Amino acid sequence: MPEGDTVHKLAAYLQPRLKGRRLDAGQARAPEAADLAGRTVEDVQARGKHLLVLFDDGRVLRSHLGMWGSWHHYRRDEVWKRPAREAAVVLTIADDVYVCFKPREVELLRENGVRARLLATRLGPDLIADAIDFDTIIARTRELLAAQTPIVDVLLDQRPASGIGNVYKSEVLFLERIHPLRCLDALEDTQLLRLYARARSLLRANLGGGPRVTRWAGDGAGRLWVYGRQDRPCLICPTPIRYALLGADQRATYWCPGCQPRESAAAQVRRAESNPNAP
């Protein structure tokens, strides 16, 4: 499942192979058909979960893989592993062909055009970037999202900070012991900061090769703490891992009810103090 780390690894792979090269052929459904032949690639960049291919004519090809998209590399005479009808972008340089299959979004932007500026404003700081201003991220979170927004939706919203996807959402919430339906206004700024800092740490730790890892115990119990572990015992306590489709987009979410109570300990104390006669 492509998340910020996947897209950064993809950009690192494509950049040395495309930068400075002239396209012998190129097509993109962006969303209308666009002929890219003859254009020279100036750079390939990742911004959150978006891959940007910059051309010498001031155009930018943006792709967002979503859940099912992927980029493939083939030799010119090689048979593709997916049907041509699923190809949204095809870039050909000499004997190399780079194909983007079934992305969620593809569009061709003018570098300083309205759409490019809109993208820049709707994407928060990239959590994988070398330098991060967490104060800005916290401020954007409070400003852009309603107080009652559940934290599952907060983390997946790319406007406060970009790069977190569905796997990291569940893993980060578990590691910080926060229930996925806890509302934004129930979290202190320090808790938000720890969530985004943890996400940044995990995203950057997974920029190398190999499968995604959030757990490095090496005990054979798995690479992830909760994601994909429905009904299996928590690796911290014996409570079975829960699974549900949560949030505005009903995304798969995993959590441990024992480690991630719906109500914080502080909230439980406040409630008990306000109603001492409650059972």
Protein backbone atom coordinates (compact mmCIF):
# COMPACT_ATOMS: atom_id res chain seq x y z
CA MET A 1 0.00 0.00 0.00
CA PRO A 2 1.77 3.19 -1.18
CA GLU A 3 2.41 5.72 1.59
CA GLY A 4 4.91 8.54 1.90
CA ASP A 5 7.90 6.22 2.28
CA THR A 6 6.90 4.27 -0.86
CA VAL A 7 6.65 7.42 -2.96
CA HIS A 8 10.00 8.75 -1.72
CA LYS A 9 11.65 5.43 -2.59
CA LEU A 10 9.99 5.57 -6.01
CA ALA A 11 11.29 9.10 -6.60
CA ALA A 12 14.79 8.01 -5.54
CA TYR A 13 14.60 5.18 -8.08
CA LEU A 14 13.23 7.23 -10.99
CA GLN A 15 15.21 10.45 -10.49
CA PRO A 16 18.65 9.21 -11.65
CA ARG A 17 17.04 7.29 -14.53
CA LEU A 18 14.91 10.15 -15.85
CA LYS A 19 16.58 13.41 -14.86
CA GLY A 20 18.17 15.16 -17.82
CA ARG A 21 16.78 12.62 -20.29
CA ARG A 22 14.63 13.45 -23.31
CA LEU A 23 11.49 11.37 -23.81
CA ASP A 24 11.42 9.47 -27.09
CA ALA A 25 7.73 8.86 -26.44
CA GLY A 26 5.36 9.70 -23.66
CA GLN A 27 1.65 9.61 -23.01
CA ALA A 28 -0.42 10.50 -19.97
CA ARG A 29 -4.12 10.41 -19.28
CA ALA A 30 -4.06 13.54 -17.16
CA PRO A 31 -7.10 13.29 -17.25
CA GLU A 32 -7.29 13.97 -20.99
CA ALA A 33 -4.67 12.34 -23.23
CA ALA A 34 -1.41 14.34 -23.31
CA ASP A 35 1.58 13.77 -25.60
CA LEU A 36 4.85 14.12 -23.67
CA ALA A 37 7.26 13.11 -26.46
CA GLY A 38 10.27 15.37 -26.89
CA ARG A 39 10.14 16.85 -23.41
CA THR A 40 13.19 16.64 -21.15
CA VAL A 41 12.80 15.61 -17.52
CA GLU A 42 14.31 18.22 -15.22
CA ASP A 43 13.67 16.41 -11.96
CA VAL A 44 11.60 13.80 -10.13
CA GLN A 45 10.38 14.64 -6.63
CA ALA A 46 8.17 13.22 -3.91
CA ARG A 47 5.86 15.45 -1.93
CA GLY A 48 3.97 13.47 0.68
CA LYS A 49 2.14 10.77 -1.27
CA HIS A 50 2.44 12.62 -4.59
CA LEU A 51 5.10 11.89 -7.24
CA LEU A 52 6.08 14.89 -9.36
CA VAL A 53 7.90 14.68 -12.71
CA LEU A 54 9.13 18.14 -13.73
CA PHE A 55 9.68 18.92 -17.43
CA ASP A 56 11.77 21.54 -19.21
CA ASP A 57 8.68 23.34 -20.57
CA GLY A 58 7.43 24.27 -17.10
CA ARG A 59 4.91 21.43 -16.87
CA VAL A 60 4.67 19.02 -13.95
CA LEU A 61 3.21 15.52 -14.16
CA ARG A 62 1.62 14.66 -10.82
CA SER A 63 0.57 11.14 -9.89
CA HIS A 64 -1.07 9.86 -6.71
CA LEU A 65 -1.07 6.08 -6.53
CA GLY A 66 -3.93 5.69 -4.07
CA MET A 67 -4.50 2.11 -2.93
CA TRP A 68 -3.99 0.25 -6.20
CA GLY A 69 -1.51 2.29 -8.27
CA SER A 70 2.08 1.31 -9.06
CA TRP A 71 4.99 2.22 -11.31
CA HIS A 72 6.77 -0.45 -13.38
CA HIS A 73 9.98 -0.48 -15.39
CA TYR A 74 10.26 -2.55 -18.57
CA ARG A 75 12.59 -2.94 -21.49
CA ARG A 76 11.00 -1.76 -24.72
CA ASP A 77 10.34 -5.30 -26.03
CA GLU A 78 9.31 -6.74 -22.63
CA VAL A 79 5.75 -7.94 -22.00
CA TRP A 80 3.93 -5.87 -19.37
CA LYS A 81 2.68 -7.59 -16.25
CA ARG A 82 -0.55 -5.57 -16.25
CA PRO A 83 -2.96 -4.79 -19.11
CA ALA A 84 -2.30 -1.71 -21.22
CA ARG A 85 -5.78 -0.36 -20.46
CA GLU A 86 -4.64 0.22 -16.86
CA ALA A 87 -1.64 2.35 -17.93
CA ALA A 88 -2.22 6.02 -17.13
CA VAL A 89 1.36 7.16 -17.85
CA VAL A 90 3.93 5.68 -20.25
CA LEU A 91 7.39 7.28 -20.51
CA THR A 92 9.87 5.86 -23.04
CA ILE A 93 13.59 6.69 -23.11
CA ALA A 94 15.73 4.61 -25.49
CA ASP A 95 15.04 0.97 -24.56
CA ASP A 96 13.49 1.76 -21.16
CA VAL A 97 9.77 2.14 -20.55
CA TYR A 98 8.32 3.47 -17.27
CA VAL A 99 4.61 2.82 -16.76
CA CYS A 100 2.23 4.03 -14.06
CA PHE A 101 -0.68 1.64 -13.72
CA LYS A 102 -4.03 2.44 -12.17
CA PRO A 103 -3.18 5.54 -10.09
CA ARG A 104 -5.91 7.29 -8.19
CA GLU A 105 -5.00 10.64 -9.75
CA VAL A 106 -2.87 11.89 -12.65
CA GLU A 107 -2.72 15.44 -13.92
CA LEU A 108 -0.42 17.69 -15.92
CA LEU A 109 0.15 21.02 -14.19
CA ARG A 110 1.82 24.28 -15.09
CA GLU A 111 4.67 24.74 -12.62
CA ASN A 112 3.35 28.06 -11.32
CA GLY A 113 -0.25 27.63 -12.41
CA VAL A 114 -3.41 27.72 -10.33
CA ARG A 115 -3.59 23.94 -9.86
CA ALA A 116 0.06 23.71 -8.79
CA ARG A 117 -0.43 26.52 -6.25
CA LEU A 118 -3.57 24.83 -4.98
CA LEU A 119 -1.65 21.59 -4.48
CA ALA A 120 1.05 23.46 -2.55
CA THR A 121 -1.51 24.99 -0.20
CA ARG A 122 -3.48 21.79 0.41
CA LEU A 123 -0.43 19.71 1.29
CA GLY A 124 1.13 20.17 4.69
CA PRO A 125 4.85 19.74 5.39
CA ASP A 126 6.26 16.45 4.11
CA LEU A 127 7.11 14.39 7.19
CA ILE A 128 10.06 12.78 5.39
CA ALA A 129 11.69 16.12 4.55
CA ASP A 130 15.08 16.87 6.07
CA ALA A 131 13.74 19.72 8.19
CA ILE A 132 10.31 19.83 9.83
CA ASP A 133 8.57 22.63 11.74
CA PHE A 134 6.30 20.75 14.13
CA ASP A 135 4.84 24.00 15.47
CA THR A 136 3.49 24.70 11.98
CA ILE A 137 2.02 21.20 11.76
CA ILE A 138 0.23 21.51 15.10
CA ALA A 139 -1.08 24.96 14.18
CA ARG A 140 -2.37 23.71 10.80
CA THR A 141 -4.05 20.75 12.50
CA ARG A 142 -5.96 22.97 14.93
CA GLU A 143 -6.81 25.52 12.24
CA LEU A 144 -7.93 23.19 9.44
CA LEU A 145 -9.77 20.44 11.31
CA ALA A 146 -12.88 20.56 13.48
CA ALA A 147 -12.48 19.86 17.17
CA GLN A 148 -14.62 16.70 16.99
CA THR A 149 -12.65 15.14 14.13
CA PRO A 150 -11.55 11.61 15.15
CA ILE A 151 -7.80 11.14 15.18
CA VAL A 152 -8.02 8.46 12.45
CA ASP A 153 -9.16 11.21 10.08
CA VAL A 154 -6.69 13.75 11.44
CA LEU A 155 -3.66 11.59 10.64
CA LEU A 156 -4.88 10.69 7.14
CA ASP A 157 -5.65 14.32 6.26
CA GLN A 158 -2.70 15.52 4.18
CA ARG A 159 -3.29 19.21 4.87
CA PRO A 160 -1.67 19.42 8.34
CA ALA A 161 1.22 17.11 7.36
CA SER A 162 1.69 14.84 4.36
CA GLY A 163 2.92 11.29 4.08
CA ILE A 164 0.89 9.24 6.59
CA GLY A 165 -1.18 6.43 5.10
CA ASN A 166 -3.42 3.73 6.47
CA VAL A 167 -0.75 1.37 7.83
CA TYR A 168 1.19 4.07 9.65
CA LYS A 169 -2.06 5.51 11.00
CA SER A 170 -2.84 2.34 12.96
CA GLU A 171 0.77 1.71 13.97
CA VAL A 172 1.41 5.24 15.24
CA LEU A 173 -1.81 5.32 17.25
CA PHE A 174 -0.88 2.03 18.88
CA LEU A 175 2.64 3.12 19.72
CA GLU A 176 1.35 6.33 21.28
CA ARG A 177 -1.49 4.47 23.08
CA ILE A 178 -4.30 6.56 21.59
CA HIS A 179 -7.67 5.11 20.63
CA PRO A 180 -8.47 5.68 16.92
CA LEU A 181 -11.79 7.41 17.69
CA ARG A 182 -10.40 9.86 20.22
CA CYS A 183 -11.42 13.34 19.07
CA LEU A 184 -8.93 16.06 18.20
CA ASP A 185 -10.04 18.32 21.04
CA ALA A 186 -9.35 15.51 23.53
CA LEU A 187 -5.66 15.56 22.60
CA GLU A 188 -3.10 17.99 23.93
CA ASP A 189 -0.58 19.61 21.61
CA THR A 190 2.16 17.46 23.13
CA GLN A 191 0.24 14.32 22.17
CA LEU A 192 -0.22 15.54 18.60
CA LEU A 193 3.45 16.38 18.41
CA ARG A 194 4.39 12.86 19.54
CA LEU A 195 2.06 11.32 16.93
CA TYR A 196 3.58 13.28 14.06
CA ALA A 197 7.11 12.83 15.37
CA ARG A 198 6.57 9.07 15.65
CA ALA A 199 5.15 8.98 12.10
CA ARG A 200 8.15 10.90 10.80
CA SER A 201 10.56 8.53 12.55
CA LEU A 202 8.88 5.43 11.09
CA LEU A 203 8.55 6.88 7.59
CA ARG A 204 12.23 7.82 7.47
CA ALA A 205 13.27 4.46 8.93
CA ASN A 206 11.57 2.72 6.00
CA LEU A 207 13.29 4.60 3.17
CA GLY A 208 15.66 1.72 2.51
CA GLY A 209 14.87 -1.53 0.76
CA GLY A 210 12.72 -4.36 2.01
CA PRO A 211 9.22 -4.54 3.48
CA ARG A 212 7.74 -1.89 5.73
CA VAL A 213 8.71 -2.33 9.39
CA THR A 214 7.43 -0.64 12.54
CA ARG A 215 8.61 -3.37 14.95
CA TRP A 216 12.23 -4.49 15.07
CA ALA A 217 12.08 -7.01 17.94
CA GLY A 218 13.35 -9.88 15.78
CA ASP A 219 11.35 -12.41 17.79
CA GLY A 220 9.40 -13.86 14.87
CA ALA A 221 6.16 -12.18 15.96
CA GLY A 222 6.00 -9.93 12.92
CA ARG A 223 7.12 -6.61 11.45
CA LEU A 224 4.02 -4.64 12.49
CA TRP A 225 2.38 -4.09 15.86
CA VAL A 226 -1.33 -4.16 15.04
CA TYR A 227 -1.99 -3.73 11.32
CA GLY A 228 -3.37 -6.93 9.81
CA ARG A 229 -3.48 -8.70 13.21
CA GLN A 230 -7.25 -8.84 13.77
CA ASP A 231 -8.29 -11.11 16.69
CA ARG A 232 -4.68 -12.06 17.45
CA PRO A 233 -3.25 -11.25 20.92
CA CYS A 234 -1.66 -7.85 21.35
CA LEU A 235 2.13 -8.06 21.46
CA ILE A 236 2.14 -5.95 24.64
CA CYS A 237 -0.90 -7.28 26.51
CA PRO A 238 -3.07 -10.36 25.87
CA THR A 239 -6.05 -8.37 24.56
CA PRO A 240 -7.18 -9.41 21.04
CA ILE A 241 -6.54 -6.82 18.35
CA ARG A 242 -9.71 -5.17 17.07
CA TYR A 243 -10.51 -4.28 13.47
CA ALA A 244 -13.12 -1.92 12.04
CA LEU A 245 -13.75 0.43 9.14
CA LEU A 246 -13.47 3.83 10.81
CA GLY A 247 -13.46 7.49 9.92
CA ALA A 248 -15.09 9.54 7.20
CA ASP A 249 -13.75 7.27 4.46
CA GLN A 250 -14.30 4.03 6.38
CA ARG A 251 -10.66 2.95 6.24
CA ALA A 252 -9.39 -0.31 7.74
CA THR A 253 -8.19 0.36 11.27
CA TYR A 254 -6.53 -1.92 13.84
CA TRP A 255 -6.05 -1.22 17.54
CA CYS A 256 -5.66 -2.85 20.96
CA PRO A 257 -8.53 -1.99 23.33
CA GLY A 258 -6.27 -2.78 26.28
CA CYS A 259 -3.39 -0.51 25.28
CA GLN A 260 -5.56 2.13 23.58
CA PRO A 261 -8.59 2.87 25.79
CA ARG A 262 -11.34 5.01 24.27
CA GLU A 263 -10.98 7.47 27.14
CA SER A 264 -7.65 8.69 28.46
CA ALA A 265 -6.66 8.02 32.05
CA ALA A 266 -6.77 11.76 32.75
CA ALA A 267 -10.32 11.97 31.36
CA GLN A 268 -11.38 9.02 33.50
CA VAL A 269 -10.05 10.79 36.62
CA ARG A 270 -11.83 14.03 35.70
CA ARG A 271 -15.09 12.18 35.11
CA ALA A 272 -14.78 10.33 38.45
CA GLU A 273 -14.05 13.59 40.28
CA SER A 274 -17.05 15.34 38.71
CA ASN A 275 -19.38 12.46 39.59
CA PRO A 276 -17.98 10.70 42.70
CA ASN A 277 -21.20 8.70 43.24
CA ALA A 278 -21.09 7.05 39.81
CA PRO A 279 -20.56 3.27 39.90
